Amino acid sequence: MYSHPVDMRKGLHGLYGLIYGSQSGGVVSGAVYIFLNRRRTQIKLFTWEGDGFALYHKRLEKGSFEQPVISNENTVKLSMHQLQCILQGVVMSSIKMRHRYQQKAA
């Protein structure tokens, strides 16, 4: 998730420039890049789908999207579950996750 508000008039090329300028990894990694506008009423999801870039845009008629707490960096990594909660309007601070086994990376 990009930490700064983004002008929602930006299209594929404009968002690609923001990603390319802030990421050391490749844009075609398959990650989903998330952008919010200043009022957090619009969200754009930008991803590489193997044969081209895809851009998804959602505008709320009422309410706003939650933005997770972001440290001093330009981005924060979210799980797919966290993204689904943001898109569905779930307040993330009210969620308590039970402990689960996670295999450590090699």
C-alpha atoms as a PDB file:
ATOM      1  CA  MET A   1       0.000   0.000   0.000  1.00  0.00           C
ATOM      2  CA  TYR A   2       1.339   3.396  -1.011  1.00  0.00           C
ATOM      3  CA  SER A   3       1.517   5.709   2.013  1.00  0.00           C
ATOM      4  CA  HIS A   4       0.750   9.062   0.362  1.00  0.00           C
ATOM      5  CA  PRO A   5      -2.594  10.144  -1.133  1.00  0.00           C
ATOM      6  CA  VAL A   6      -2.721   9.693  -4.900  1.00  0.00           C
ATOM      7  CA  ASP A   7      -4.528  11.713  -7.552  1.00  0.00           C
ATOM      8  CA  MET A   8      -7.146   9.253  -8.829  1.00  0.00           C
ATOM      9  CA  ARG A   9      -6.906  10.755 -12.307  1.00  0.00           C
ATOM     10  CA  LYS A  10      -3.649   8.834 -12.707  1.00  0.00           C
ATOM     11  CA  GLY A  11      -3.918   5.863 -14.996  1.00  0.00           C
ATOM     12  CA  LEU A  12      -1.673   2.874 -15.647  1.00  0.00           C
ATOM     13  CA  HIS A  13       1.355   4.895 -16.682  1.00  0.00           C
ATOM     14  CA  GLY A  14       1.156   7.376 -13.795  1.00  0.00           C
ATOM     15  CA  LEU A  15       0.754   4.668 -11.167  1.00  0.00           C
ATOM     16  CA  TYR A  16       3.512   2.607 -12.785  1.00  0.00           C
ATOM     17  CA  GLY A  17       5.800   5.607 -12.344  1.00  0.00           C
ATOM     18  CA  LEU A  18       4.963   5.834  -8.636  1.00  0.00           C
ATOM     19  CA  ILE A  19       5.647   2.123  -8.156  1.00  0.00           C
ATOM     20  CA  TYR A  20       8.830   2.099 -10.216  1.00  0.00           C
ATOM     21  CA  GLY A  21      10.183   5.107  -8.301  1.00  0.00           C
ATOM     22  CA  SER A  22       9.512   3.665  -4.846  1.00  0.00           C
ATOM     23  CA  GLN A  23      10.191  -0.068  -5.252  1.00  0.00           C
ATOM     24  CA  SER A  24      13.528  -1.802  -5.554  1.00  0.00           C
ATOM     25  CA  GLY A  25      11.838  -5.001  -6.784  1.00  0.00           C
ATOM     26  CA  GLY A  26      10.249  -5.552 -10.144  1.00  0.00           C
ATOM     27  CA  VAL A  27       6.792  -4.217 -10.911  1.00  0.00           C
ATOM     28  CA  VAL A  28       5.984  -7.506 -12.651  1.00  0.00           C
ATOM     29  CA  SER A  29       6.437  -9.539  -9.441  1.00  0.00           C
ATOM     30  CA  GLY A  30       2.710 -10.279  -9.195  1.00  0.00           C
ATOM     31  CA  ALA A  31       2.215  -8.087  -6.123  1.00  0.00           C
ATOM     32  CA  VAL A  32      -0.909  -5.937  -5.847  1.00  0.00           C
ATOM     33  CA  TYR A  33      -0.130  -2.239  -5.350  1.00  0.00           C
ATOM     34  CA  ILE A  34      -2.788  -0.251  -3.484  1.00  0.00           C
ATOM     35  CA  PHE A  35      -3.467   3.485  -3.795  1.00  0.00           C
ATOM     36  CA  LEU A  36      -5.966   5.695  -1.934  1.00  0.00           C
ATOM     37  CA  ASN A  37      -7.067   9.255  -2.590  1.00  0.00           C
ATOM     38  CA  ARG A  38      -6.805  11.976   0.082  1.00  0.00           C
ATOM     39  CA  ARG A  39     -10.382  11.512   1.367  1.00  0.00           C
ATOM     40  CA  ARG A  40      -9.965   7.689   1.215  1.00  0.00           C
ATOM     41  CA  THR A  41     -13.210   7.353  -0.750  1.00  0.00           C
ATOM     42  CA  GLN A  42     -11.492   5.789  -3.777  1.00  0.00           C
ATOM     43  CA  ILE A  43      -9.039   2.927  -4.065  1.00  0.00           C
ATOM     44  CA  LYS A  44      -7.035   1.633  -7.021  1.00  0.00           C
ATOM     45  CA  LEU A  45      -5.389  -1.777  -7.191  1.00  0.00           C
ATOM     46  CA  PHE A  46      -2.567  -2.171  -9.721  1.00  0.00           C
ATOM     47  CA  THR A  47      -1.061  -5.565 -10.584  1.00  0.00           C
ATOM     48  CA  TRP A  48       0.730  -7.556 -13.248  1.00  0.00           C
ATOM     49  CA  GLU A  49      -1.385 -10.510 -14.393  1.00  0.00           C
ATOM     50  CA  GLY A  50       1.208 -12.400 -16.419  1.00  0.00           C
ATOM     51  CA  ASP A  51       0.311 -10.967 -19.810  1.00  0.00           C
ATOM     52  CA  GLY A  52      -0.331  -7.332 -18.957  1.00  0.00           C
ATOM     53  CA  PHE A  53      -1.109  -4.810 -16.247  1.00  0.00           C
ATOM     54  CA  ALA A  54      -4.543  -4.630 -14.631  1.00  0.00           C
ATOM     55  CA  LEU A  55      -6.030  -1.636 -12.842  1.00  0.00           C
ATOM     56  CA  TYR A  56      -9.077  -1.976 -10.573  1.00  0.00           C
ATOM     57  CA  HIS A  57     -10.869   1.112  -9.259  1.00  0.00           C
ATOM     58  CA  LYS A  58     -13.547   1.333  -6.564  1.00  0.00           C
ATOM     59  CA  ARG A  59     -15.323   4.527  -5.485  1.00  0.00           C
ATOM     60  CA  LEU A  60     -17.473   4.552  -2.356  1.00  0.00           C
ATOM     61  CA  GLU A  61     -20.787   6.396  -2.362  1.00  0.00           C
ATOM     62  CA  LYS A  62     -20.648   6.761   1.420  1.00  0.00           C
ATOM     63  CA  GLY A  63     -17.925   6.157   4.015  1.00  0.00           C
ATOM     64  CA  SER A  64     -14.205   5.721   3.546  1.00  0.00           C
ATOM     65  CA  PHE A  65     -11.541   3.044   3.296  1.00  0.00           C
ATOM     66  CA  GLU A  66      -9.309   2.372   6.275  1.00  0.00           C
ATOM     67  CA  GLN A  67      -5.622   3.071   5.840  1.00  0.00           C
ATOM     68  CA  PRO A  68      -3.339   0.946   8.019  1.00  0.00           C
ATOM     69  CA  VAL A  69      -0.709   2.653  10.156  1.00  0.00           C
ATOM     70  CA  ILE A  70       2.337   3.243   7.992  1.00  0.00           C
ATOM     71  CA  SER A  71       5.820   3.881   9.383  1.00  0.00           C
ATOM     72  CA  ASN A  72       8.328   6.283   7.833  1.00  0.00           C
ATOM     73  CA  GLU A  73       8.561   4.232   4.638  1.00  0.00           C
ATOM     74  CA  ASN A  74       6.583   4.948   1.461  1.00  0.00           C
ATOM     75  CA  THR A  75       4.828   1.586   1.506  1.00  0.00           C
ATOM     76  CA  VAL A  76       3.452  -1.083   3.826  1.00  0.00           C
ATOM     77  CA  LYS A  77       2.925  -4.771   3.039  1.00  0.00           C
ATOM     78  CA  LEU A  78      -0.542  -6.208   3.597  1.00  0.00           C
ATOM     79  CA  SER A  79      -1.839  -9.759   3.473  1.00  0.00           C
ATOM     80  CA  MET A  80      -4.648 -10.691   1.109  1.00  0.00           C
ATOM     81  CA  HIS A  81      -6.941 -11.000   4.146  1.00  0.00           C
ATOM     82  CA  GLN A  82      -6.115  -7.431   5.231  1.00  0.00           C
ATOM     83  CA  LEU A  83      -6.839  -6.149   1.714  1.00  0.00           C
ATOM     84  CA  GLN A  84     -10.196  -7.944   1.701  1.00  0.00           C
ATOM     85  CA  CYS A  85     -11.064  -6.356   5.062  1.00  0.00           C
ATOM     86  CA  ILE A  86     -10.200  -2.887   3.748  1.00  0.00           C
ATOM     87  CA  LEU A  87     -12.321  -3.404   0.613  1.00  0.00           C
ATOM     88  CA  GLN A  88     -15.290  -4.693   2.642  1.00  0.00           C
ATOM     89  CA  GLY A  89     -15.180  -1.903   5.236  1.00  0.00           C
ATOM     90  CA  VAL A  90     -14.028  -3.944   8.215  1.00  0.00           C
ATOM     91  CA  VAL A  91     -12.277  -1.930  10.951  1.00  0.00           C
ATOM     92  CA  MET A  92      -8.885  -3.609  11.193  1.00  0.00           C
ATOM     93  CA  SER A  93      -8.183  -2.519  14.786  1.00  0.00           C
ATOM     94  CA  SER A  94     -11.246  -4.463  15.964  1.00  0.00           C
ATOM     95  CA  ILE A  95     -10.007  -7.746  14.484  1.00  0.00           C
ATOM     96  CA  LYS A  96      -8.220 -10.136  16.796  1.00  0.00           C
ATOM     97  CA  MET A  97      -6.420 -12.926  14.995  1.00  0.00           C
ATOM     98  CA  ARG A  98      -5.868 -16.283  16.702  1.00  0.00           C
ATOM     99  CA  HIS A  99      -2.358 -17.691  16.659  1.00  0.00           C
ATOM    100  CA  ARG A 100      -1.651 -20.032  13.751  1.00  0.00           C
ATOM    101  CA  TYR A 101       1.389 -21.992  12.683  1.00  0.00           C
ATOM    102  CA  GLN A 102       3.501 -20.298  10.022  1.00  0.00           C
ATOM    103  CA  GLN A 103       6.404 -22.002   8.376  1.00  0.00           C
ATOM    104  CA  LYS A 104       9.596 -19.957   8.540  1.00  0.00           C
ATOM    105  CA  ALA A 105      11.121 -18.914   5.246  1.00  0.00           C
ATOM    106  CA  ALA A 106      14.265 -20.798   4.250  1.00  0.00           C
END
